[in-house]
């Protein structure tokens, strides 16, 4: 796994920390552990899959759907990062 430079330099995890381990868990079939390590993993896969599909097919309201999925992912990442940082302090 690639080390997190933010964690190495500043000593705290970045909002993307855990995504590599989460993908590794997915590839091993550990779906719950993947979700636990990085809660946005499934919505990120959905976003990537939808963006890839929209390149090949003309999907009605594709731009709005992409924006919704993007905002959903950003929200999940921010909330899970704040949760992680709060529980790290205690």
Protein backbone atom coordinates (compact mmCIF):
# COMPACT_ATOMS: atom_id res chain seq x y z
CA UNK A 1 0.00 0.00 0.00
CA UNK A 2 1.11 3.52 -0.71
CA UNK A 3 1.71 5.58 2.45
CA UNK A 4 -0.38 8.68 3.12
CA UNK A 5 1.90 11.69 2.80
CA UNK A 6 -0.46 13.82 4.89
CA UNK A 7 -0.23 11.33 7.74
CA UNK A 8 3.52 11.02 7.34
CA UNK A 9 4.13 14.79 7.34
CA UNK A 10 1.42 16.10 9.69
CA UNK A 11 0.63 13.01 11.74
CA UNK A 12 -3.11 12.97 10.95
CA UNK A 13 -5.02 11.06 8.32
CA UNK A 14 -6.44 12.74 5.23
CA UNK A 15 -10.05 12.33 4.03
CA UNK A 16 -8.84 9.74 1.50
CA UNK A 17 -7.05 7.54 4.02
CA UNK A 18 -8.42 4.03 3.93
CA UNK A 19 -9.56 3.91 0.31
CA UNK A 20 -6.70 1.60 -0.75
CA UNK A 21 -7.40 -0.81 2.09
CA UNK A 22 -11.11 -0.61 1.34
CA UNK A 23 -10.55 -1.57 -2.31
CA UNK A 24 -8.28 -4.38 -1.16
CA UNK A 25 -11.02 -5.66 1.15
CA UNK A 26 -13.52 -5.47 -1.71
CA UNK A 27 -11.27 -7.51 -3.96
CA UNK A 28 -10.92 -10.09 -1.17
CA UNK A 29 -14.71 -10.22 -0.75
CA UNK A 30 -14.78 -8.56 2.68
CA UNK A 31 -17.61 -6.15 1.91
CA UNK A 32 -18.39 -5.14 5.49
CA UNK A 33 -14.74 -4.42 6.29
CA UNK A 34 -14.49 -2.31 3.11
CA UNK A 35 -17.45 -0.22 4.26
CA UNK A 36 -16.08 0.06 7.78
CA UNK A 37 -12.65 1.26 6.62
CA UNK A 38 -13.96 3.76 4.04
CA UNK A 39 -17.73 4.44 4.18
CA UNK A 40 -17.88 6.15 0.77
CA UNK A 41 -16.47 3.17 -1.13
CA UNK A 42 -19.76 1.93 -2.56
CA UNK A 43 -21.08 5.34 -3.56
CA UNK A 44 -17.70 6.12 -5.15
CA UNK A 45 -17.92 2.91 -7.17
CA UNK A 46 -21.45 3.88 -8.18
CA UNK A 47 -20.24 7.33 -9.28
CA UNK A 48 -17.30 5.93 -11.26
CA UNK A 49 -19.53 3.32 -12.87
CA UNK A 50 -22.15 5.89 -13.80
CA UNK A 51 -19.60 8.32 -15.23
CA UNK A 52 -18.07 5.50 -17.27
CA UNK A 53 -21.47 4.36 -18.50
CA UNK A 54 -22.49 7.89 -19.44
CA UNK A 55 -19.51 8.11 -21.81
CA UNK A 56 -20.93 5.28 -23.90
CA UNK A 57 -24.69 5.79 -23.51
CA UNK A 58 -26.89 8.84 -23.71
CA UNK A 59 -28.57 8.90 -20.30
CA UNK A 60 -31.36 11.35 -19.57
CA UNK A 61 -30.42 13.84 -16.81
CA UNK A 62 -26.91 12.37 -16.61
CA UNK A 63 -25.39 15.67 -15.50
CA UNK A 64 -27.84 16.04 -12.59
CA UNK A 65 -27.28 12.44 -11.54
CA UNK A 66 -23.50 12.93 -11.61
CA UNK A 67 -23.81 16.07 -9.50
CA UNK A 68 -26.07 14.30 -7.00
CA UNK A 69 -23.67 11.37 -6.71
CA UNK A 70 -20.72 13.75 -6.39
CA UNK A 71 -22.39 15.72 -3.58
CA UNK A 72 -23.42 12.50 -1.89
CA UNK A 73 -19.84 11.22 -1.98
CA UNK A 74 -18.36 14.49 -0.73
CA UNK A 75 -20.91 14.53 2.10
CA UNK A 76 -20.15 10.96 3.14
CA UNK A 77 -16.40 11.58 2.99
CA UNK A 78 -16.63 14.76 5.08
CA UNK A 79 -18.97 13.27 7.69
CA UNK A 80 -16.91 10.09 8.04
CA UNK A 81 -13.67 12.13 8.28
CA UNK A 82 -15.12 14.33 11.04
CA UNK A 83 -16.40 11.24 12.84
CA UNK A 84 -12.96 9.63 12.57
CA UNK A 85 -11.20 12.73 13.86
CA UNK A 86 -13.60 13.17 16.79
CA UNK A 87 -13.16 9.56 17.85
CA UNK A 88 -9.41 9.82 17.42
CA UNK A 89 -9.30 12.61 20.02
CA UNK A 90 -11.24 10.68 22.64
